[in-house]
Amino acid sequence: MVKRTSFEGDGCPVARSLEAIGDWWTLLIIREAMLGLRRFGEFQSKLGMAKNILSARLRSMLDHGILAMVPASDGSAYQEYVLTPKGRGLFPILVALRQWSEEFDETPEEIDTIMIDRAKGRPVKKLELHAEDGRLLSLADITLKPRPAPRRRSA
């Protein structure tokens, strides 16, 4: 098995994020956790993953603080996986991936579901990137610059 390159400690925040969530199985597990799945068997059944792959992904997500183990909600002796605040923070990423697919997929009519605002029953508006002053930003409006060095405290 080929060992993949680690992005831990990389200066790029995209690369650092991929260290924790950089494969499709992880994102699909997160999607299912956001939809309410909590047990190993539920994830395995829904996703059709091999148990060893699922086990490795869940362990990695626990190690990265994306999931936590809690006692089963039904009072049984089982443990369940729940999203942490860090895991729930991935929600906009999954929405962005979904909306990208809805816009650019060659056969969007094959997509089974649409995302609906539960309170209003209406489709969710496409995510947008806005400047601090509210202006809508595009790729042409963005640049990267070095982060300022942290200030040293005087003794």
Protein backbone atom coordinates (compact mmCIF):
# COMPACT_ATOMS: atom_id res chain seq x y z
CA MET A 1 0.00 0.00 0.00
CA VAL A 2 1.39 3.41 -0.96
CA LYS A 3 1.66 5.87 1.90
CA ARG A 4 0.19 9.22 0.98
CA THR A 5 1.86 12.55 1.60
CA SER A 6 0.95 14.20 4.89
CA PHE A 7 -0.17 17.83 4.79
CA GLU A 8 -0.01 18.24 8.56
CA GLY A 9 1.82 21.47 9.28
CA ASP A 10 1.56 22.68 5.66
CA GLY A 11 1.25 26.45 5.31
CA CYS A 12 -1.80 26.18 3.04
CA PRO A 13 -5.15 25.98 4.89
CA VAL A 14 -6.70 23.94 2.05
CA ALA A 15 -3.95 21.33 2.32
CA ARG A 16 -4.28 21.29 6.11
CA SER A 17 -8.04 20.71 5.82
CA LEU A 18 -7.47 17.84 3.42
CA GLU A 19 -5.25 16.18 6.03
CA ALA A 20 -8.40 15.67 8.13
CA ILE A 21 -11.13 15.27 5.47
CA GLY A 22 -9.26 14.54 2.26
CA ASP A 23 -11.07 11.49 0.93
CA TRP A 24 -14.59 10.89 -0.30
CA TRP A 25 -15.44 8.30 2.35
CA THR A 26 -14.82 10.81 5.13
CA LEU A 27 -17.10 13.39 3.53
CA LEU A 28 -19.80 10.78 2.95
CA ILE A 29 -19.58 9.66 6.60
CA ILE A 30 -19.91 13.31 7.66
CA ARG A 31 -22.91 13.72 5.34
CA GLU A 32 -24.62 10.72 6.92
CA ALA A 33 -23.80 11.92 10.45
CA MET A 34 -25.39 15.28 9.57
CA LEU A 35 -28.47 13.37 8.43
CA GLY A 36 -28.68 11.56 11.78
CA LEU A 37 -26.69 8.33 11.54
CA ARG A 38 -24.75 7.54 14.71
CA ARG A 39 -23.75 3.87 14.80
CA PHE A 40 -21.04 1.93 13.02
CA GLY A 41 -23.55 -0.52 11.54
CA GLU A 42 -25.73 2.31 10.22
CA PHE A 43 -22.79 3.91 8.42
CA GLN A 44 -21.63 0.56 7.07
CA SER A 45 -25.09 -0.39 5.83
CA LYS A 46 -25.92 3.00 4.28
CA LEU A 47 -22.55 3.53 2.58
CA GLY A 48 -21.71 -0.08 1.73
CA MET A 49 -18.15 0.40 2.96
CA ALA A 50 -15.84 -2.39 3.97
CA LYS A 51 -15.70 -2.57 7.77
CA ASN A 52 -11.92 -2.04 7.89
CA ILE A 53 -12.15 1.12 5.74
CA LEU A 54 -15.02 2.49 7.82
CA SER A 55 -13.21 1.70 11.04
CA ALA A 56 -10.06 3.50 9.85
CA ARG A 57 -12.01 6.58 8.71
CA LEU A 58 -14.00 6.80 11.94
CA ARG A 59 -10.81 6.46 13.99
CA SER A 60 -9.16 9.24 11.97
CA MET A 61 -12.22 11.48 12.40
CA LEU A 62 -12.11 10.87 16.16
CA ASP A 63 -8.38 11.68 16.19
CA HIS A 64 -9.00 14.92 14.27
CA GLY A 65 -11.82 15.97 16.59
CA ILE A 66 -14.51 15.80 13.89
CA LEU A 67 -16.46 13.07 15.68
CA ALA A 68 -16.79 12.12 19.35
CA MET A 69 -17.97 8.90 20.96
CA VAL A 70 -20.92 9.15 23.34
CA PRO A 71 -23.08 6.60 25.15
CA ALA A 72 -25.93 5.32 23.00
CA SER A 73 -29.01 7.52 23.03
CA ASP A 74 -31.25 4.49 23.62
CA GLY A 75 -29.55 3.63 26.92
CA SER A 76 -27.97 0.44 25.55
CA ALA A 77 -24.33 -0.49 26.15
CA TYR A 78 -23.34 0.73 22.67
CA GLN A 79 -21.37 3.85 21.84
CA GLU A 80 -22.43 6.26 19.12
CA TYR A 81 -20.55 8.69 16.89
CA VAL A 82 -21.66 12.32 17.02
CA LEU A 83 -20.36 15.36 15.22
CA THR A 84 -18.38 17.80 17.32
CA PRO A 85 -18.60 21.56 16.72
CA LYS A 86 -15.57 21.09 14.44
CA GLY A 87 -17.49 18.39 12.52
CA ARG A 88 -20.64 20.51 12.27
CA GLY A 89 -18.41 23.29 10.92
CA LEU A 90 -18.07 21.21 7.74
CA PHE A 91 -21.75 21.82 6.89
CA PRO A 92 -21.08 24.76 4.52
CA ILE A 93 -18.41 22.70 2.73
CA LEU A 94 -20.88 19.90 2.05
CA VAL A 95 -23.49 22.42 0.91
CA ALA A 96 -20.94 24.02 -1.43
CA LEU A 97 -20.00 20.61 -2.89
CA ARG A 98 -23.66 19.75 -3.35
CA GLN A 99 -24.47 23.06 -5.03
CA TRP A 100 -21.42 22.77 -7.29
CA SER A 101 -22.67 19.35 -8.43
CA GLU A 102 -26.21 20.64 -8.94
CA GLU A 103 -24.85 23.41 -11.17
CA PHE A 104 -22.21 21.55 -13.16
CA ASP A 105 -23.23 17.88 -13.19
CA GLU A 106 -23.83 16.60 -16.73
CA THR A 107 -27.07 14.89 -15.66
CA PRO A 108 -28.53 16.97 -12.80
CA GLU A 109 -31.93 15.35 -13.31
CA GLU A 110 -30.44 12.18 -11.80
CA ILE A 111 -29.81 13.93 -8.46
CA ASP A 112 -32.34 12.41 -6.05
CA THR A 113 -32.98 15.30 -3.68
CA ILE A 114 -33.09 19.07 -3.39
CA MET A 115 -32.08 21.04 -0.31
CA ILE A 116 -35.06 22.76 1.33
CA ASP A 117 -35.30 25.33 4.11
CA ARG A 118 -37.24 23.35 6.73
CA ALA A 119 -39.04 26.43 8.15
CA LYS A 120 -40.16 27.92 4.82
CA GLY A 121 -40.32 24.83 2.59
CA ARG A 122 -38.38 26.66 -0.12
CA PRO A 123 -35.13 25.70 -1.90
CA VAL A 124 -31.92 26.92 -0.29
CA LYS A 125 -30.20 29.88 -1.97
CA LYS A 126 -26.78 29.26 -3.48
CA LEU A 127 -23.85 30.03 -1.18
CA GLU A 128 -22.08 33.27 -1.93
CA LEU A 129 -18.85 34.86 -0.77
CA HIS A 130 -19.16 38.43 0.48
CA ALA A 131 -16.63 41.08 1.47
CA GLU A 132 -16.84 42.65 4.92
CA ASP A 133 -18.81 45.53 3.37
CA GLY A 134 -21.34 43.12 1.81
CA ARG A 135 -20.10 43.17 -1.79
CA LEU A 136 -20.44 39.86 -3.66
CA LEU A 137 -16.96 38.54 -4.45
CA SER A 138 -15.73 36.38 -7.33
CA LEU A 139 -12.38 34.68 -7.90
CA ALA A 140 -11.12 37.82 -9.68
CA ASP A 141 -11.77 39.84 -6.49
CA ILE A 142 -9.61 37.65 -4.24
CA THR A 143 -5.87 37.59 -3.61
CA LEU A 144 -3.67 35.96 -0.99
CA LYS A 145 -1.01 37.72 1.03
CA PRO A 146 1.34 36.57 3.78
CA ARG A 147 -0.08 36.51 7.28
CA PRO A 148 1.46 39.22 9.48
CA ALA A 149 4.00 37.91 11.95
CA PRO A 150 2.62 37.69 15.48
CA ARG A 151 3.62 40.56 17.73
CA ARG A 152 6.10 39.72 20.42
CA ARG A 153 5.20 40.72 23.93
CA SER A 154 7.76 42.73 25.76
CA ALA A 155 8.82 41.49 29.16
